[in-house]
Amino acid sequence: MKKLKHTLLFVFVGFTVTLTAQTDCGEDTGYGETEVEMLGNKICLSIDINFGYDDAGEKIENIFLGHLGITRDTPNYKQQILSLWNTYSNCFVCKSKSVTKPEIPYPTHFLKRVVDFNMEPQVFDEFLLNDPEEFPIDVNAVELVDGKGETLIDYLDKIIADPSKHKDYKLTVMKELRTYLIEDYGAKTAAELDEEKD
C-alpha cells in the first residue's frame, strides 16, 4: 500500500510539473493555486451559475473587470482584458465538476466548457469572440487530454466526427464556429501548432 501511495504521488507530481512547464500561471497565492487560476475558477463557475441567461457574457466580463480592478469606464478596458487573456489563456481551466451538467468532462479549458454548455451565443458572440480585429483573443490554448495536446479546434473536430455526441450539440453551430475560429482568429489544431514550432 505504501508503494502504491508513492507511485500515485510520483504520477501526480509528474503531471503537475508537465503543466507548469507549459504555462506560467503566476505565483501561488498560498492556497494551492495562482490568482489567474482562481480567476479561471470564477469564470468557470459563472458558466454554471448563468447557464441559460442571455447576459452570461457580460457577467463573465464583469469578473475580468473585478480581477483587474477596473470598470467599463476605464479607457481601453477591453485591451486590458485582452492582454490578460492572451498572456494566460492556457491557465483558464475549469478544474471542478459542473453542478449544472455533471456529465461533461473536467478538468477542461474554459472555451471548451462554453461549448459543452451550448453557450456560444451568450459568451462567444456577446463577449469573447465578438470582434476579431479589436479584441483578437488567443483561441489556441493547448490542454493535455489523454497524453496528447488538444486545442478548441481539436475538440470541435472530435464532436463533429463522433455521431454519438451530436445529440448534445448543434452540429451546424459547431461547424460554423470551427470555420469562424480558423478564418477570423487563426485557430489551429495542436498538431499544427507543433509544426509551427519546428
N, C-alpha and C. Protein backbone atom coordinates (compact mmCIF):
# COMPACT_ATOMS: atom_id res chain seq x y z
N MET A 1 0.83 -1.19 0.00
CA MET A 1 0.00 0.00 0.00
C MET A 1 0.87 1.26 0.00
N LYS A 2 1.93 1.23 0.81
CA LYS A 2 2.82 2.38 0.88
C LYS A 2 3.47 2.65 -0.49
N LYS A 3 3.87 1.56 -1.17
CA LYS A 3 4.47 1.69 -2.50
C LYS A 3 3.49 2.31 -3.48
N LEU A 4 2.21 1.92 -3.41
CA LEU A 4 1.18 2.47 -4.28
C LEU A 4 1.02 3.96 -4.04
N LYS A 5 1.02 4.39 -2.78
CA LYS A 5 0.90 5.82 -2.47
C LYS A 5 2.05 6.60 -3.08
N HIS A 6 3.27 6.07 -2.97
CA HIS A 6 4.42 6.76 -3.54
C HIS A 6 4.33 6.81 -5.06
N THR A 7 3.86 5.74 -5.67
CA THR A 7 3.70 5.71 -7.12
C THR A 7 2.68 6.74 -7.56
N LEU A 8 1.54 6.80 -6.87
CA LEU A 8 0.50 7.78 -7.21
C LEU A 8 1.01 9.20 -7.01
N LEU A 9 1.76 9.42 -5.94
CA LEU A 9 2.32 10.75 -5.70
C LEU A 9 3.27 11.12 -6.82
N PHE A 10 4.10 10.18 -7.25
CA PHE A 10 5.05 10.44 -8.33
C PHE A 10 4.31 10.79 -9.62
N VAL A 11 3.26 10.04 -9.93
CA VAL A 11 2.49 10.30 -11.15
C VAL A 11 1.86 11.68 -11.06
N PHE A 12 1.27 12.02 -9.92
CA PHE A 12 0.63 13.31 -9.74
C PHE A 12 1.63 14.44 -9.88
N VAL A 13 2.79 14.31 -9.22
CA VAL A 13 3.81 15.36 -9.28
C VAL A 13 4.31 15.50 -10.72
N GLY A 14 4.54 14.40 -11.41
CA GLY A 14 5.00 14.45 -12.80
C GLY A 14 4.01 15.17 -13.68
N PHE A 15 2.71 14.93 -13.49
CA PHE A 15 1.67 15.58 -14.28
C PHE A 15 1.67 17.08 -14.01
N THR A 16 1.78 17.48 -12.75
CA THR A 16 1.78 18.89 -12.39
C THR A 16 2.98 19.61 -13.00
N VAL A 17 4.14 18.98 -12.94
CA VAL A 17 5.34 19.59 -13.50
C VAL A 17 5.19 19.80 -15.00
N THR A 18 4.58 18.84 -15.69
CA THR A 18 4.37 18.96 -17.13
C THR A 18 3.53 20.19 -17.44
N LEU A 19 2.43 20.37 -16.70
CA LEU A 19 1.56 21.51 -16.95
C LEU A 19 2.27 22.83 -16.62
N THR A 20 3.02 22.84 -15.52
CA THR A 20 3.71 24.06 -15.13
C THR A 20 4.77 24.44 -16.16
N ALA A 21 5.43 23.44 -16.72
CA ALA A 21 6.46 23.73 -17.72
C ALA A 21 5.86 24.34 -18.97
N GLN A 22 4.62 23.98 -19.28
CA GLN A 22 3.98 24.51 -20.48
C GLN A 22 3.53 25.96 -20.29
N THR A 23 3.03 26.27 -19.11
CA THR A 23 2.41 27.56 -18.90
C THR A 23 2.78 28.12 -17.54
N ASP A 24 3.18 29.38 -17.51
CA ASP A 24 3.42 30.05 -16.24
C ASP A 24 2.16 30.81 -15.89
N CYS A 25 1.48 30.36 -14.85
CA CYS A 25 0.22 30.98 -14.45
C CYS A 25 0.40 31.96 -13.30
N GLY A 26 1.64 32.35 -13.02
CA GLY A 26 1.89 33.30 -11.95
C GLY A 26 2.32 32.60 -10.68
N GLU A 27 2.40 33.38 -9.59
CA GLU A 27 2.86 32.83 -8.31
C GLU A 27 1.70 32.29 -7.50
N ASP A 28 1.97 31.21 -6.78
CA ASP A 28 0.98 30.60 -5.91
C ASP A 28 0.58 31.60 -4.82
N THR A 29 -0.72 31.67 -4.56
CA THR A 29 -1.23 32.61 -3.56
C THR A 29 -1.11 32.07 -2.14
N GLY A 30 -0.68 30.81 -2.02
CA GLY A 30 -0.65 30.18 -0.71
C GLY A 30 -1.85 29.28 -0.51
N TYR A 31 -2.76 29.29 -1.46
CA TYR A 31 -3.96 28.44 -1.40
C TYR A 31 -3.89 27.31 -2.43
N GLY A 32 -2.70 27.04 -2.95
CA GLY A 32 -2.53 25.94 -3.89
C GLY A 32 -2.78 26.31 -5.34
N GLU A 33 -3.07 27.56 -5.61
CA GLU A 33 -3.23 28.00 -6.99
C GLU A 33 -2.90 29.48 -7.10
N THR A 34 -2.71 29.94 -8.33
CA THR A 34 -2.34 31.33 -8.56
C THR A 34 -3.61 32.18 -8.67
N GLU A 35 -3.42 33.49 -8.66
CA GLU A 35 -4.56 34.40 -8.84
C GLU A 35 -5.24 34.17 -10.18
N VAL A 36 -4.45 33.90 -11.21
CA VAL A 36 -5.01 33.66 -12.54
C VAL A 36 -5.82 32.36 -12.55
N GLU A 37 -5.33 31.33 -11.88
CA GLU A 37 -6.09 30.07 -11.79
C GLU A 37 -7.38 30.28 -11.01
N MET A 38 -7.33 31.12 -9.98
CA MET A 38 -8.56 31.44 -9.24
C MET A 38 -9.54 32.20 -10.13
N LEU A 39 -9.01 33.10 -10.96
CA LEU A 39 -9.85 33.80 -11.93
C LEU A 39 -10.50 32.79 -12.87
N GLY A 40 -9.73 31.81 -13.33
CA GLY A 40 -10.27 30.75 -14.18
C GLY A 40 -11.41 30.01 -13.49
N ASN A 41 -11.23 29.70 -12.21
CA ASN A 41 -12.30 29.02 -11.46
C ASN A 41 -13.55 29.88 -11.40
N LYS A 42 -13.38 31.18 -11.23
CA LYS A 42 -14.54 32.09 -11.14
C LYS A 42 -15.31 32.15 -12.46
N ILE A 43 -14.59 32.24 -13.58
CA ILE A 43 -15.32 32.32 -14.85
C ILE A 43 -15.98 30.98 -15.18
N CYS A 44 -15.35 29.89 -14.75
CA CYS A 44 -15.96 28.57 -14.97
C CYS A 44 -17.22 28.43 -14.13
N LEU A 45 -17.17 28.86 -12.89
CA LEU A 45 -18.34 28.81 -12.02
C LEU A 45 -19.45 29.70 -12.57
N SER A 46 -19.06 30.81 -13.17
CA SER A 46 -20.05 31.72 -13.76
C SER A 46 -20.83 31.05 -14.88
N ILE A 47 -20.18 30.17 -15.64
CA ILE A 47 -20.89 29.43 -16.69
C ILE A 47 -22.00 28.59 -16.05
N ASP A 48 -21.68 27.91 -14.96
CA ASP A 48 -22.67 27.10 -14.24
C ASP A 48 -23.82 27.97 -13.72
N ILE A 49 -23.47 29.05 -13.06
CA ILE A 49 -24.47 29.91 -12.42
C ILE A 49 -25.36 30.60 -13.44
N ASN A 50 -24.77 31.01 -14.57
CA ASN A 50 -25.51 31.80 -15.56
C ASN A 50 -25.98 31.00 -16.76
N PHE A 51 -26.02 29.69 -16.62
CA PHE A 51 -26.48 28.82 -17.70
C PHE A 51 -27.91 29.22 -18.09
N GLY A 52 -28.08 29.51 -19.38
CA GLY A 52 -29.40 29.87 -19.88
C GLY A 52 -29.72 31.36 -19.83
N TYR A 53 -28.85 32.16 -19.24
CA TYR A 53 -29.09 33.60 -19.16
C TYR A 53 -28.41 34.32 -20.33
N ASP A 54 -29.12 35.24 -20.93
CA ASP A 54 -28.60 35.97 -22.08
C ASP A 54 -27.42 36.89 -21.74
N ASP A 55 -27.33 37.32 -20.48
CA ASP A 55 -26.26 38.25 -20.10
C ASP A 55 -25.05 37.53 -19.50
N ALA A 56 -24.90 36.23 -19.77
CA ALA A 56 -23.77 35.46 -19.22
C ALA A 56 -22.43 36.04 -19.63
N GLY A 57 -22.29 36.47 -20.89
CA GLY A 57 -21.04 37.06 -21.36
C GLY A 57 -20.69 38.33 -20.60
N GLU A 58 -21.69 39.16 -20.35
CA GLU A 58 -21.47 40.40 -19.60
C GLU A 58 -21.02 40.09 -18.18
N LYS A 59 -21.61 39.06 -17.58
CA LYS A 59 -21.24 38.70 -16.20
C LYS A 59 -19.82 38.16 -16.14
N ILE A 60 -19.41 37.44 -17.16
CA ILE A 60 -18.03 36.94 -17.20
C ILE A 60 -17.07 38.12 -17.41
N GLU A 61 -17.45 39.05 -18.27
CA GLU A 61 -16.62 40.25 -18.44
C GLU A 61 -16.50 40.99 -17.12
N ASN A 62 -17.57 41.05 -16.33
CA ASN A 62 -17.53 41.70 -15.01
C ASN A 62 -16.49 41.05 -14.10
N ILE A 63 -16.35 39.74 -14.19
CA ILE A 63 -15.36 39.03 -13.38
C ILE A 63 -13.95 39.46 -13.77
N PHE A 64 -13.69 39.58 -15.07
CA PHE A 64 -12.39 40.06 -15.53
C PHE A 64 -12.14 41.50 -15.06
N LEU A 65 -13.17 42.33 -15.16
CA LEU A 65 -13.03 43.73 -14.72
C LEU A 65 -12.70 43.79 -13.23
N GLY A 66 -13.41 42.98 -12.44
CA GLY A 66 -13.15 42.94 -11.00
C GLY A 66 -11.74 42.47 -10.69
N HIS A 67 -11.28 41.48 -11.42
CA HIS A 67 -9.93 40.96 -11.21
C HIS A 67 -8.89 42.05 -11.50
N LEU A 68 -9.13 42.82 -12.55
CA LEU A 68 -8.19 43.88 -12.95
C LEU A 68 -8.37 45.16 -12.14
N GLY A 69 -9.47 45.25 -11.40
CA GLY A 69 -9.73 46.46 -10.61
C GLY A 69 -10.09 47.65 -11.47
N ILE A 70 -10.80 47.40 -12.58
CA ILE A 70 -11.20 48.47 -13.50
C ILE A 70 -12.70 48.36 -13.79
N THR A 71 -13.23 49.32 -14.54
CA THR A 71 -14.64 49.30 -14.94
C THR A 71 -14.73 49.51 -16.45
N ARG A 72 -15.95 49.47 -16.96
CA ARG A 72 -16.14 49.73 -18.39
C ARG A 72 -15.88 51.19 -18.74
N ASP A 73 -15.79 52.05 -17.73
CA ASP A 73 -15.45 53.46 -17.95
C ASP A 73 -13.94 53.68 -18.06
N THR A 74 -13.17 52.67 -17.69
CA THR A 74 -11.72 52.78 -17.78
C THR A 74 -11.31 52.81 -19.25
N PRO A 75 -10.50 53.80 -19.65
CA PRO A 75 -10.05 53.84 -21.05
C PRO A 75 -9.35 52.54 -21.43
N ASN A 76 -9.66 52.04 -22.61
CA ASN A 76 -9.05 50.81 -23.14
C ASN A 76 -9.25 49.59 -22.24
N TYR A 77 -10.36 49.53 -21.54
CA TYR A 77 -10.58 48.40 -20.63
C TYR A 77 -10.58 47.07 -21.37
N LYS A 78 -11.11 47.06 -22.59
CA LYS A 78 -11.12 45.81 -23.35
C LYS A 78 -9.70 45.35 -23.68
N GLN A 79 -8.81 46.30 -23.93
CA GLN A 79 -7.42 45.93 -24.23
C GLN A 79 -6.73 45.32 -23.00
N GLN A 80 -7.12 45.78 -21.82
CA GLN A 80 -6.55 45.20 -20.60
C GLN A 80 -7.05 43.77 -20.39
N ILE A 81 -8.32 43.53 -20.68
CA ILE A 81 -8.86 42.17 -20.60
C ILE A 81 -8.16 41.29 -21.65
N LEU A 82 -8.02 41.82 -22.86
CA LEU A 82 -7.37 41.09 -23.95
C LEU A 82 -5.94 40.70 -23.56
N SER A 83 -5.21 41.62 -23.00
CA SER A 83 -3.83 41.36 -22.60
C SER A 83 -3.77 40.26 -21.54
N LEU A 84 -4.66 40.34 -20.55
CA LEU A 84 -4.72 39.32 -19.51
C LEU A 84 -5.05 37.96 -20.11
N TRP A 85 -6.08 37.91 -20.95
CA TRP A 85 -6.48 36.64 -21.57
C TRP A 85 -5.33 36.05 -22.39
N ASN A 86 -4.75 36.86 -23.27
CA ASN A 86 -3.74 36.34 -24.18
C ASN A 86 -2.45 35.94 -23.46
N THR A 87 -2.15 36.56 -22.34
CA THR A 87 -0.98 36.19 -21.56
C THR A 87 -1.19 34.86 -20.85
N TYR A 88 -2.40 34.64 -20.36
CA TYR A 88 -2.66 33.47 -19.52
C TYR A 88 -3.72 32.52 -20.08
N SER A 89 -3.94 32.53 -21.38
CA SER A 89 -5.06 31.75 -21.94
C SER A 89 -4.99 30.26 -21.58
N ASN A 90 -3.79 29.69 -21.48
CA ASN A 90 -3.67 28.28 -21.11
C ASN A 90 -4.06 28.02 -19.66
N CYS A 91 -4.16 29.04 -18.86
CA CYS A 91 -4.42 28.88 -17.42
C CYS A 91 -5.91 28.86 -17.08
N PHE A 92 -6.77 29.20 -18.02
CA PHE A 92 -8.20 29.28 -17.72
C PHE A 92 -8.84 27.90 -17.88
N VAL A 93 -8.59 27.06 -16.90
CA VAL A 93 -9.05 25.68 -16.91
C VAL A 93 -10.11 25.49 -15.83
N CYS A 94 -11.20 24.85 -16.23
CA CYS A 94 -12.28 24.52 -15.29
C CYS A 94 -11.90 23.22 -14.61
N LYS A 95 -11.45 23.31 -13.37
CA LYS A 95 -10.94 22.14 -12.66
C LYS A 95 -12.03 21.36 -11.94
N SER A 96 -13.15 21.99 -11.69
CA SER A 96 -14.20 21.35 -10.91
C SER A 96 -15.29 20.77 -11.79
N LYS A 97 -15.95 19.79 -11.26
CA LYS A 97 -17.09 19.17 -11.93
C LYS A 97 -18.22 20.18 -11.98
N SER A 98 -18.91 20.25 -13.09
CA SER A 98 -20.05 21.15 -13.22
C SER A 98 -21.21 20.64 -12.38
N VAL A 99 -21.87 21.56 -11.69
CA VAL A 99 -23.05 21.21 -10.91
C VAL A 99 -24.26 21.10 -11.83
N THR A 100 -24.35 22.01 -12.79
CA THR A 100 -25.48 22.05 -13.72
C THR A 100 -25.45 20.90 -14.70
N LYS A 101 -24.25 20.57 -15.20
CA LYS A 101 -24.10 19.49 -16.18
C LYS A 101 -22.98 18.56 -15.71
N PRO A 102 -23.25 17.74 -14.71
CA PRO A 102 -22.18 16.91 -14.14
C PRO A 102 -21.60 15.88 -15.10
N GLU A 103 -22.27 15.63 -16.21
CA GLU A 103 -21.80 14.63 -17.17
C GLU A 103 -20.68 15.13 -18.08
N ILE A 104 -20.45 16.45 -18.14
CA ILE A 104 -19.43 16.97 -19.05
C ILE A 104 -18.03 16.76 -18.45
N PRO A 105 -17.03 16.64 -19.32
CA PRO A 105 -15.67 16.33 -18.83
C PRO A 105 -15.05 17.48 -18.03
N TYR A 106 -14.19 17.11 -17.13
CA TYR A 106 -13.39 18.06 -16.36
C TYR A 106 -12.14 17.35 -15.90
N PRO A 107 -11.03 18.02 -15.67
CA PRO A 107 -10.82 19.43 -15.98
C PRO A 107 -10.85 19.67 -17.50
N THR A 108 -11.24 20.87 -17.86
CA THR A 108 -11.30 21.24 -19.27
C THR A 108 -11.11 22.75 -19.40
N HIS A 109 -10.61 23.17 -20.53
CA HIS A 109 -10.39 24.60 -20.75
C HIS A 109 -11.73 25.33 -20.79
N PHE A 110 -11.71 26.57 -20.36
CA PHE A 110 -12.92 27.40 -20.31
C PHE A 110 -13.64 27.46 -21.65
N LEU A 111 -12.90 27.60 -22.75
CA LEU A 111 -13.54 27.70 -24.06
C LEU A 111 -14.32 26.43 -24.39
N LYS A 112 -13.79 25.29 -24.00
CA LYS A 112 -14.49 24.02 -24.22
C LYS A 112 -15.72 23.93 -23.32
N ARG A 113 -15.61 24.46 -22.12
CA ARG A 113 -16.76 24.45 -21.19
C ARG A 113 -17.91 25.26 -21.78
N VAL A 114 -17.60 26.38 -22.41
CA VAL A 114 -18.64 27.18 -23.07
C VAL A 114 -19.35 26.34 -24.13
N VAL A 115 -18.56 25.61 -24.93
CA VAL A 115 -19.12 24.75 -25.97
C VAL A 115 -19.98 23.65 -25.33
N ASP A 116 -19.48 23.04 -24.27
CA ASP A 116 -20.23 21.96 -23.60
C ASP A 116 -21.57 22.43 -23.05
N PHE A 117 -21.65 23.70 -22.72
CA PHE A 117 -22.89 24.27 -22.21
C PHE A 117 -23.77 24.85 -23.32
N ASN A 118 -23.30 24.77 -24.57
CA ASN A 118 -24.02 25.36 -25.71
C ASN A 118 -24.30 26.85 -25.47
N MET A 119 -23.31 27.53 -24.89
CA MET A 119 -23.48 28.95 -24.57
C MET A 119 -22.66 29.84 -25.50
N GLU A 120 -22.42 29.38 -26.73
CA GLU A 120 -21.66 30.17 -27.69
C GLU A 120 -22.29 31.54 -27.93
N PRO A 121 -23.63 31.64 -28.11
CA PRO A 121 -24.20 32.97 -28.36
C PRO A 121 -23.99 33.94 -27.20
N GLN A 122 -24.18 33.46 -25.98
CA GLN A 122 -24.08 34.35 -24.82
C GLN A 122 -22.64 34.73 -24.49
N VAL A 123 -21.71 33.80 -24.58
CA VAL A 123 -20.34 34.06 -24.14
C VAL A 123 -19.43 34.44 -25.31
N PHE A 124 -19.50 33.69 -26.40
CA PHE A 124 -18.62 33.99 -27.53
C PHE A 124 -19.12 35.19 -28.31
N ASP A 125 -20.39 35.17 -28.75
CA ASP A 125 -20.92 36.24 -29.59
C ASP A 125 -21.00 37.57 -28.85
N GLU A 126 -21.32 37.52 -27.56
CA GLU A 126 -21.53 38.76 -26.80
C GLU A 126 -20.29 39.26 -26.06
N PHE A 127 -19.26 38.42 -25.99
CA PHE A 127 -18.08 38.86 -25.24
C PHE A 127 -16.77 38.44 -25.90
N LEU A 128 -16.39 37.19 -25.78
CA LEU A 128 -15.04 36.78 -26.14
C LEU A 128 -14.72 36.83 -27.64
N LEU A 129 -15.68 36.48 -28.47
CA LEU A 129 -15.41 36.40 -29.91
C LEU A 129 -16.23 37.38 -30.72
N ASN A 130 -16.53 38.53 -30.13
CA ASN A 130 -17.42 39.47 -30.83
C ASN A 130 -16.71 40.44 -31.75
N ASP A 131 -15.36 40.50 -31.73
CA ASP A 131 -14.66 41.45 -32.59
C ASP A 131 -13.22 40.98 -32.82
N PRO A 132 -12.97 40.20 -33.87
CA PRO A 132 -11.63 39.66 -34.10
C PRO A 132 -10.56 40.72 -34.39
N GLU A 133 -10.96 41.91 -34.81
CA GLU A 133 -9.97 42.95 -35.09
C GLU A 133 -9.62 43.76 -33.85
N GLU A 134 -10.62 44.16 -33.08
CA GLU A 134 -10.38 44.97 -31.89
C GLU A 134 -10.10 44.13 -30.65
N PHE A 135 -10.56 42.87 -30.65
CA PHE A 135 -10.45 42.02 -29.47
C PHE A 135 -10.03 40.60 -29.90
N PRO A 136 -8.80 40.50 -30.48
CA PRO A 136 -8.35 39.21 -31.03
C PRO A 136 -7.80 38.26 -29.96
N ILE A 137 -8.69 37.57 -29.27
CA ILE A 137 -8.23 36.69 -28.20
C ILE A 137 -7.51 35.46 -28.76
N ASP A 138 -6.64 34.92 -27.94
CA ASP A 138 -5.93 33.68 -28.28
C ASP A 138 -6.88 32.51 -28.04
N VAL A 139 -7.22 31.80 -29.11
CA VAL A 139 -8.11 30.65 -29.00
C VAL A 139 -7.34 29.34 -29.13
N ASN A 140 -6.01 29.42 -29.06
CA ASN A 140 -5.18 28.24 -29.27
C ASN A 140 -4.56 27.69 -27.99
N ALA A 141 -5.27 27.81 -26.89
CA ALA A 141 -4.79 27.19 -25.65
C ALA A 141 -4.68 25.69 -25.87
N VAL A 142 -3.59 25.12 -25.41
CA VAL A 142 -3.38 23.67 -25.57
C VAL A 142 -3.52 23.01 -24.20
N GLU A 143 -4.34 21.98 -24.18
CA GLU A 143 -4.60 21.23 -22.96
C GLU A 143 -4.19 19.77 -23.21
N LEU A 144 -3.58 19.15 -22.20
CA LEU A 144 -3.24 17.73 -22.33
C LEU A 144 -4.47 16.88 -22.04
N VAL A 145 -4.87 16.09 -23.04
CA VAL A 145 -6.01 15.19 -22.89
C VAL A 145 -5.55 13.81 -23.33
N ASP A 146 -5.62 12.87 -22.40
CA ASP A 146 -5.15 11.51 -22.68
C ASP A 146 -3.73 11.50 -23.23
N GLY A 147 -2.89 12.38 -22.67
CA GLY A 147 -1.48 12.42 -23.05
C GLY A 147 -1.16 13.15 -24.35
N LYS A 148 -2.18 13.72 -24.98
CA LYS A 148 -1.97 14.44 -26.25
C LYS A 148 -2.46 15.88 -26.12
N GLY A 149 -1.80 16.78 -26.86
CA GLY A 149 -2.24 18.17 -26.88
C GLY A 149 -3.58 18.29 -27.58
N GLU A 150 -4.43 19.16 -27.04
CA GLU A 150 -5.75 19.36 -27.66
C GLU A 150 -6.14 20.83 -27.55
N THR A 151 -6.49 21.43 -28.68
CA THR A 151 -6.98 22.81 -28.71
C THR A 151 -8.50 22.79 -28.86
N LEU A 152 -9.09 23.96 -28.89
CA LEU A 152 -10.53 24.05 -29.11
C LEU A 152 -10.90 23.47 -30.47
N ILE A 153 -10.07 23.70 -31.50
CA ILE A 153 -10.35 23.13 -32.82
C ILE A 153 -10.33 21.60 -32.77
N ASP A 154 -9.34 21.03 -32.08
CA ASP A 154 -9.31 19.57 -31.92
C ASP A 154 -10.59 19.08 -31.26
N TYR A 155 -11.03 19.81 -30.25
CA TYR A 155 -12.24 19.43 -29.51
C TYR A 155 -13.47 19.48 -30.41
N LEU A 156 -13.59 20.55 -31.18
CA LEU A 156 -14.72 20.66 -32.11
C LEU A 156 -14.66 19.55 -33.15
N ASP A 157 -13.46 19.23 -33.62
CA ASP A 157 -13.31 18.15 -34.60
C ASP A 157 -13.79 16.82 -34.02
N LYS A 158 -13.47 16.57 -32.74
CA LYS A 158 -13.92 15.33 -32.09
C LYS A 158 -15.45 15.28 -32.01
N ILE A 159 -16.06 16.41 -31.67
CA ILE A 159 -17.52 16.47 -31.58
C ILE A 159 -18.14 16.20 -32.95
N ILE A 160 -17.63 16.89 -33.96
CA ILE A 160 -18.18 16.77 -35.32
C ILE A 160 -18.02 15.34 -35.85
N ALA A 161 -16.90 14.69 -35.52
CA ALA A 161 -16.61 13.35 -36.05
C ALA A 161 -17.34 12.23 -35.30
N ASP A 162 -17.89 12.53 -34.13
CA ASP A 162 -18.49 11.47 -33.30
C ASP A 162 -20.02 11.60 -33.29
N PRO A 163 -20.71 10.76 -34.08
CA PRO A 163 -22.18 10.85 -34.14
C PRO A 163 -22.87 10.69 -32.79
N SER A 164 -22.24 9.99 -31.85
CA SER A 164 -22.87 9.82 -30.53
C SER A 164 -22.94 11.13 -29.75
N LYS A 165 -22.13 12.12 -30.13
CA LYS A 165 -22.14 13.42 -29.45
C LYS A 165 -23.12 14.41 -30.08
N HIS A 166 -23.61 14.11 -31.26
CA HIS A 166 -24.44 15.07 -31.99
C HIS A 166 -25.73 15.43 -31.26
N LYS A 167 -26.22 14.54 -30.43
CA LYS A 167 -27.45 14.83 -29.68
C LYS A 167 -27.24 15.93 -28.63
N ASP A 168 -25.98 16.11 -28.20
CA ASP A 168 -25.67 17.09 -27.15
C ASP A 168 -25.26 18.45 -27.68
N TYR A 169 -25.00 18.53 -28.99
CA TYR A 169 -24.51 19.77 -29.59
C TYR A 169 -25.29 20.06 -30.87
N LYS A 170 -25.34 21.33 -31.23
CA LYS A 170 -25.93 21.72 -32.51
C LYS A 170 -24.81 21.62 -33.55
N LEU A 171 -24.87 20.59 -34.37
CA LEU A 171 -23.79 20.30 -35.30
C LEU A 171 -23.50 21.47 -36.24
N THR A 172 -24.55 22.13 -36.73
CA THR A 172 -24.37 23.28 -37.61
C THR A 172 -23.59 24.38 -36.90
N VAL A 173 -23.93 24.62 -35.64
CA VAL A 173 -23.25 25.65 -34.85
C VAL A 173 -21.78 25.27 -34.67
N MET A 174 -21.50 23.99 -34.39
CA MET A 174 -20.12 23.54 -34.20
C MET A 174 -19.29 23.77 -35.47
N LYS A 175 -19.86 23.45 -36.61
CA LYS A 175 -19.15 23.62 -37.89
C LYS A 175 -18.93 25.10 -38.20
N GLU A 176 -19.95 25.92 -37.96
CA GLU A 176 -19.81 27.36 -38.20
C GLU A 176 -18.79 27.98 -37.26
N LEU A 177 -18.83 27.56 -36.00
CA LEU A 177 -17.87 28.06 -35.01
C LEU A 177 -16.45 27.68 -35.43
N ARG A 178 -16.26 26.45 -35.85
CA ARG A 178 -14.95 25.98 -36.28
C ARG A 178 -14.42 26.86 -37.43
N THR A 179 -15.25 27.10 -38.43
CA THR A 179 -14.84 27.92 -39.57
C THR A 179 -14.51 29.34 -39.13
N TYR A 180 -15.37 29.92 -38.29
CA TYR A 180 -15.16 31.28 -37.78
C TYR A 180 -13.84 31.39 -37.01
N LEU A 181 -13.58 30.42 -36.14
CA LEU A 181 -12.35 30.45 -35.35
C LEU A 181 -11.11 30.38 -36.23
N ILE A 182 -11.15 29.55 -37.24
CA ILE A 182 -9.99 29.40 -38.13
C ILE A 182 -9.81 30.65 -38.99
N GLU A 183 -10.88 31.12 -39.59
CA GLU A 183 -10.77 32.25 -40.52
C GLU A 183 -10.52 33.58 -39.82
N ASP A 184 -11.16 33.81 -38.68
CA ASP A 184 -11.07 35.13 -38.03
C ASP A 184 -10.11 35.20 -36.85
N TYR A 185 -9.79 34.04 -36.23
CA TYR A 185 -8.93 34.05 -35.05
C TYR A 185 -7.66 33.23 -35.21
N GLY A 186 -7.46 32.65 -36.39
CA GLY A 186 -6.25 31.86 -36.62
C GLY A 186 -6.17 30.60 -35.78
N ALA A 187 -7.32 30.02 -35.47
CA ALA A 187 -7.35 28.81 -34.65
C ALA A 187 -6.68 27.65 -35.37
N LYS A 188 -6.00 26.82 -34.58
CA LYS A 188 -5.26 25.69 -35.14
C LYS A 188 -5.43 24.46 -34.25
N THR A 189 -5.10 23.32 -34.81
CA THR A 189 -5.04 22.10 -34.02
C THR A 189 -3.72 22.10 -33.26
N ALA A 190 -3.62 21.25 -32.26
CA ALA A 190 -2.36 21.14 -31.51
C ALA A 190 -1.24 20.67 -32.42
N ALA A 191 -1.55 19.77 -33.35
CA ALA A 191 -0.53 19.28 -34.30
C ALA A 191 -0.01 20.42 -35.18
N GLU A 192 -0.91 21.29 -35.63
CA GLU A 192 -0.49 22.43 -36.45
C GLU A 192 0.39 23.39 -35.65
N LEU A 193 0.06 23.59 -34.38
CA LEU A 193 0.88 24.46 -33.53
C LEU A 193 2.26 23.86 -33.32
N ASP A 194 2.33 22.53 -33.16
CA ASP A 194 3.62 21.86 -33.02
C ASP A 194 4.47 22.01 -34.26
N GLU A 195 3.83 21.90 -35.44
CA GLU A 195 4.56 22.05 -36.71
C GLU A 195 5.14 23.45 -36.83
N GLU A 196 4.43 24.45 -36.34
CA GLU A 196 4.93 25.84 -36.41
C GLU A 196 6.16 26.04 -35.54
N LYS A 197 6.28 25.27 -34.45
CA LYS A 197 7.44 25.40 -33.55
C LYS A 197 8.71 24.90 -34.21
N ASP A 198 8.56 23.93 -35.10
CA ASP A 198 9.74 23.31 -35.74
C ASP A 198 10.40 24.20 -36.75
